[in-house]
Amino acid sequence: MSAAPDKKSLIIRLGDAARESEKGTLVFSVRVQPRASKKGVEGVRDGALRVRLTAPPAEGAANEQLVEVLSKEFGIKKSSIRIVKGHSSRDKLVEVRGAL
């Protein structure tokens, strides 16, 4: 796994979708598209990070894959990522702790 990105580059990449909630914790909105043909981060649109997931939105599979995709995309540990809000919705609030 690559080194954690610095706070500034992560905030620039997330743009308007991100805000710092407390020291070392970044919170941002995510809009997921489950059952997509391929998984990956599309970019920021309408104030939310757009993420395509191949997993279905059942039994937490899409949420689990979201954490995996974000972990790989930003080079941070899965344990540093937490879905704060929207566990059963396409629109989620995600928190990245301690990686900044």
Protein backbone atom coordinates (compact mmCIF):
# COMPACT_ATOMS: atom_id res chain seq x y z
CA MET A 1 0.00 0.00 0.00
CA SER A 2 1.29 3.45 -0.86
CA ALA A 3 2.00 6.15 1.67
CA ALA A 4 -0.96 8.20 2.88
CA PRO A 5 -1.54 11.34 0.85
CA ASP A 6 -1.01 14.67 2.53
CA LYS A 7 -4.08 16.56 3.74
CA LYS A 8 -3.80 19.31 1.13
CA SER A 9 -3.73 16.97 -1.89
CA LEU A 10 -6.67 14.93 -0.59
CA ILE A 11 -8.78 18.06 0.00
CA ILE A 12 -7.88 19.42 -3.44
CA ARG A 13 -8.91 16.13 -5.05
CA LEU A 14 -12.25 16.08 -3.20
CA GLY A 15 -12.88 19.78 -3.76
CA ASP A 16 -16.21 21.08 -2.48
CA ALA A 17 -17.23 17.58 -1.36
CA ALA A 18 -14.80 17.66 1.61
CA ARG A 19 -14.58 19.39 4.95
CA GLU A 20 -12.44 18.87 8.02
CA SER A 21 -14.59 17.93 11.03
CA GLU A 22 -11.88 17.73 13.66
CA LYS A 23 -8.12 17.57 13.71
CA GLY A 24 -7.00 14.86 11.33
CA THR A 25 -10.53 13.84 10.28
CA LEU A 26 -11.93 14.57 6.84
CA VAL A 27 -15.64 14.22 6.07
CA PHE A 28 -17.07 14.16 2.55
CA SER A 29 -20.21 13.27 0.62
CA VAL A 30 -20.27 10.27 -1.69
CA ARG A 31 -22.83 9.26 -4.32
CA VAL A 32 -22.53 5.57 -5.27
CA GLN A 33 -23.76 3.72 -8.32
CA PRO A 34 -24.14 0.05 -7.35
CA ARG A 35 -24.17 -2.74 -9.95
CA ALA A 36 -22.03 -0.72 -12.36
CA SER A 37 -20.06 -2.48 -15.09
CA LYS A 38 -16.76 -1.52 -13.43
CA LYS A 39 -15.72 -0.04 -10.10
CA GLY A 40 -13.84 3.17 -9.53
CA VAL A 41 -13.96 6.85 -8.63
CA GLU A 42 -15.45 9.08 -11.33
CA GLY A 43 -14.72 12.45 -9.73
CA VAL A 44 -16.71 15.11 -7.93
CA ARG A 45 -20.14 16.18 -9.17
CA ASP A 46 -22.81 18.24 -7.41
CA GLY A 47 -20.74 18.42 -4.21
CA ALA A 48 -20.25 14.67 -3.86
CA LEU A 49 -17.56 12.21 -4.85
CA ARG A 50 -19.06 9.87 -7.47
CA VAL A 51 -18.07 6.21 -7.07
CA ARG A 52 -19.11 3.30 -9.30
CA LEU A 53 -19.41 -0.11 -7.60
CA THR A 54 -19.91 -3.54 -9.13
CA ALA A 55 -21.40 -4.93 -5.90
CA PRO A 56 -25.17 -5.04 -5.40
CA PRO A 57 -26.75 -2.83 -2.73
CA ALA A 58 -27.67 -5.84 -0.60
CA GLU A 59 -26.39 -7.06 2.76
CA GLY A 60 -23.75 -4.35 2.96
CA ALA A 61 -21.83 -5.56 -0.10
CA ALA A 62 -21.82 -2.14 -1.78
CA ASN A 63 -20.74 -0.39 1.44
CA GLU A 64 -17.91 -2.86 1.89
CA GLN A 65 -16.76 -2.34 -1.69
CA LEU A 66 -17.01 1.45 -1.28
CA VAL A 67 -14.54 1.31 1.62
CA GLU A 68 -12.24 -0.91 -0.46
CA VAL A 69 -12.36 1.43 -3.49
CA LEU A 70 -11.72 4.55 -1.39
CA SER A 71 -8.87 2.81 0.42
CA LYS A 72 -7.12 1.96 -2.85
CA GLU A 73 -7.90 5.29 -4.51
CA PHE A 74 -6.48 7.42 -1.70
CA GLY A 75 -3.82 5.01 -0.42
CA ILE A 76 -5.20 4.76 3.11
CA LYS A 77 -6.11 1.87 5.40
CA LYS A 78 -9.64 0.48 5.27
CA SER A 79 -9.86 0.87 9.04
CA SER A 80 -9.45 4.65 8.62
CA ILE A 81 -12.64 4.90 6.55
CA ARG A 82 -16.11 4.93 8.09
CA ILE A 83 -19.53 5.44 6.56
CA VAL A 84 -21.16 7.89 8.97
CA LYS A 85 -24.54 8.26 7.28
CA GLY A 86 -26.46 6.64 4.42
CA HIS A 87 -25.79 2.95 4.98
CA SER A 88 -28.87 2.03 2.91
CA SER A 89 -28.78 4.97 0.50
CA ARG A 90 -26.83 5.94 -2.63
CA ASP A 91 -25.92 9.21 -0.91
CA LYS A 92 -23.46 8.70 1.93
CA LEU A 93 -21.36 10.71 4.34
CA VAL A 94 -17.89 9.23 4.73
CA GLU A 95 -15.26 10.00 7.34
CA VAL A 96 -11.52 9.42 6.95
CA ARG A 97 -9.79 9.37 10.33
CA GLY A 98 -6.14 9.67 11.20
CA ALA A 99 -4.80 9.48 7.67
CA LEU A 100 -4.32 13.20 7.25
